[in-house]
């Protein structure tokens, strides 16, 4: 459990997803004392990183694999997820 707690702050990046999203912004122009709204389109780039947490995924998988290797008969008692 201590390893899981210490590893919770470590993330292993797997991939980065990039996307472009169009956004409409407004600017105001004042001509002869009258304000006019002028919309303009801008593209904003977004990035999302997909990562695996060491303390929340890697260490529990390693512990589960170790227990299954050490006690293979316990696999027969496991109930399938539905």
C-alpha atoms as a PDB file:
ATOM      1  CA  UNK A   1       0.000   0.000   0.000  1.00  0.00           C
ATOM      2  CA  UNK A   2       2.926   2.296   0.660  1.00  0.00           C
ATOM      3  CA  UNK A   3       4.207   1.760  -2.898  1.00  0.00           C
ATOM      4  CA  UNK A   4       0.766   2.562  -4.249  1.00  0.00           C
ATOM      5  CA  UNK A   5       0.664   5.751  -2.195  1.00  0.00           C
ATOM      6  CA  UNK A   6       4.141   6.813  -3.308  1.00  0.00           C
ATOM      7  CA  UNK A   7       3.415   5.950  -6.941  1.00  0.00           C
ATOM      8  CA  UNK A   8       0.179   7.929  -7.027  1.00  0.00           C
ATOM      9  CA  UNK A   9       2.080  11.066  -8.001  1.00  0.00           C
ATOM     10  CA  UNK A  10       3.764   9.437 -11.005  1.00  0.00           C
ATOM     11  CA  UNK A  11       2.032   9.353 -14.385  1.00  0.00           C
ATOM     12  CA  UNK A  12       3.394   7.628 -17.488  1.00  0.00           C
ATOM     13  CA  UNK A  13       2.235   9.513 -20.611  1.00  0.00           C
ATOM     14  CA  UNK A  14       1.028   7.218 -23.400  1.00  0.00           C
ATOM     15  CA  UNK A  15      -0.294   9.580 -26.064  1.00  0.00           C
ATOM     16  CA  UNK A  16      -1.230  13.176 -26.743  1.00  0.00           C
ATOM     17  CA  UNK A  17      -4.453  14.023 -28.533  1.00  0.00           C
ATOM     18  CA  UNK A  18      -4.630  17.337 -30.366  1.00  0.00           C
ATOM     19  CA  UNK A  19      -7.743  19.067 -31.621  1.00  0.00           C
ATOM     20  CA  UNK A  20      -8.618  22.417 -33.133  1.00  0.00           C
ATOM     21  CA  UNK A  21     -11.816  24.120 -31.983  1.00  0.00           C
ATOM     22  CA  UNK A  22     -13.238  27.197 -33.708  1.00  0.00           C
ATOM     23  CA  UNK A  23     -14.336  29.951 -31.318  1.00  0.00           C
ATOM     24  CA  UNK A  24     -16.235  33.122 -32.219  1.00  0.00           C
ATOM     25  CA  UNK A  25     -15.156  36.212 -30.295  1.00  0.00           C
ATOM     26  CA  UNK A  26     -16.612  39.701 -30.374  1.00  0.00           C
ATOM     27  CA  UNK A  27     -14.784  42.983 -30.690  1.00  0.00           C
ATOM     28  CA  UNK A  28     -16.368  46.400 -30.659  1.00  0.00           C
ATOM     29  CA  UNK A  29     -15.468  49.148 -33.074  1.00  0.00           C
ATOM     30  CA  UNK A  30     -16.528  52.699 -32.439  1.00  0.00           C
ATOM     31  CA  UNK A  31     -17.197  54.829 -35.513  1.00  0.00           C
ATOM     32  CA  UNK A  32     -18.583  58.360 -35.224  1.00  0.00           C
ATOM     33  CA  UNK A  33     -19.714  57.689 -31.660  1.00  0.00           C
ATOM     34  CA  UNK A  34     -21.630  54.490 -32.504  1.00  0.00           C
ATOM     35  CA  UNK A  35     -20.350  51.113 -31.274  1.00  0.00           C
ATOM     36  CA  UNK A  36     -20.549  48.181 -33.659  1.00  0.00           C
ATOM     37  CA  UNK A  37     -20.067  44.570 -32.723  1.00  0.00           C
ATOM     38  CA  UNK A  38     -17.668  42.777 -35.065  1.00  0.00           C
ATOM     39  CA  UNK A  39     -17.450  38.986 -34.600  1.00  0.00           C
ATOM     40  CA  UNK A  40     -14.274  37.207 -35.633  1.00  0.00           C
ATOM     41  CA  UNK A  41     -13.440  33.537 -35.765  1.00  0.00           C
ATOM     42  CA  UNK A  42     -10.392  32.126 -34.058  1.00  0.00           C
ATOM     43  CA  UNK A  43      -9.082  28.559 -33.867  1.00  0.00           C
ATOM     44  CA  UNK A  44      -7.942  27.356 -30.463  1.00  0.00           C
ATOM     45  CA  UNK A  45      -5.676  24.323 -30.185  1.00  0.00           C
ATOM     46  CA  UNK A  46      -6.392  21.883 -27.356  1.00  0.00           C
ATOM     47  CA  UNK A  47      -4.129  19.102 -26.112  1.00  0.00           C
ATOM     48  CA  UNK A  48      -5.108  16.150 -23.940  1.00  0.00           C
ATOM     49  CA  UNK A  49      -2.506  13.770 -22.553  1.00  0.00           C
ATOM     50  CA  UNK A  50      -3.502  10.160 -21.939  1.00  0.00           C
ATOM     51  CA  UNK A  51      -1.456   8.714 -19.088  1.00  0.00           C
ATOM     52  CA  UNK A  52      -1.313   5.696 -16.783  1.00  0.00           C
ATOM     53  CA  UNK A  53      -0.942   6.292 -13.069  1.00  0.00           C
ATOM     54  CA  UNK A  54       1.740   4.124 -11.428  1.00  0.00           C
ATOM     55  CA  UNK A  55       0.098   3.941  -8.009  1.00  0.00           C
ATOM     56  CA  UNK A  56      -3.423   3.462  -9.313  1.00  0.00           C
ATOM     57  CA  UNK A  57      -2.869   1.094 -12.251  1.00  0.00           C
ATOM     58  CA  UNK A  58       0.633  -0.351 -12.644  1.00  0.00           C
ATOM     59  CA  UNK A  59       1.281  -1.465  -9.058  1.00  0.00           C
ATOM     60  CA  UNK A  60      -2.191  -3.037  -8.534  1.00  0.00           C
ATOM     61  CA  UNK A  61      -1.845  -4.939 -11.836  1.00  0.00           C
ATOM     62  CA  UNK A  62       1.580  -6.215 -10.819  1.00  0.00           C
ATOM     63  CA  UNK A  63       0.293  -7.298  -7.391  1.00  0.00           C
ATOM     64  CA  UNK A  64      -2.718  -9.041  -8.970  1.00  0.00           C
ATOM     65  CA  UNK A  65      -0.509 -10.832 -11.493  1.00  0.00           C
ATOM     66  CA  UNK A  66       1.833 -11.954  -8.713  1.00  0.00           C
ATOM     67  CA  UNK A  67      -1.066 -13.308  -6.646  1.00  0.00           C
ATOM     68  CA  UNK A  68      -2.519 -15.152  -9.653  1.00  0.00           C
ATOM     69  CA  UNK A  69       0.865 -16.747 -10.371  1.00  0.00           C
ATOM     70  CA  UNK A  70       1.385 -17.644  -6.714  1.00  0.00           C
ATOM     71  CA  UNK A  71      -2.174 -19.016  -6.237  1.00  0.00           C
ATOM     72  CA  UNK A  72      -3.479 -20.166  -9.657  1.00  0.00           C
ATOM     73  CA  UNK A  73      -6.409 -22.058  -8.122  1.00  0.00           C
ATOM     74  CA  UNK A  74      -7.932 -18.748  -6.999  1.00  0.00           C
ATOM     75  CA  UNK A  75      -8.708 -17.956 -10.638  1.00  0.00           C
ATOM     76  CA  UNK A  76     -11.421 -20.613 -10.612  1.00  0.00           C
ATOM     77  CA  UNK A  77     -13.092 -18.936  -7.629  1.00  0.00           C
ATOM     78  CA  UNK A  78     -13.137 -15.527  -9.231  1.00  0.00           C
ATOM     79  CA  UNK A  79     -16.540 -14.374 -10.395  1.00  0.00           C
ATOM     80  CA  UNK A  80     -16.714 -12.887 -13.919  1.00  0.00           C
ATOM     81  CA  UNK A  81     -17.673  -9.240 -14.173  1.00  0.00           C
ATOM     82  CA  UNK A  82     -21.064  -8.566 -15.715  1.00  0.00           C
END
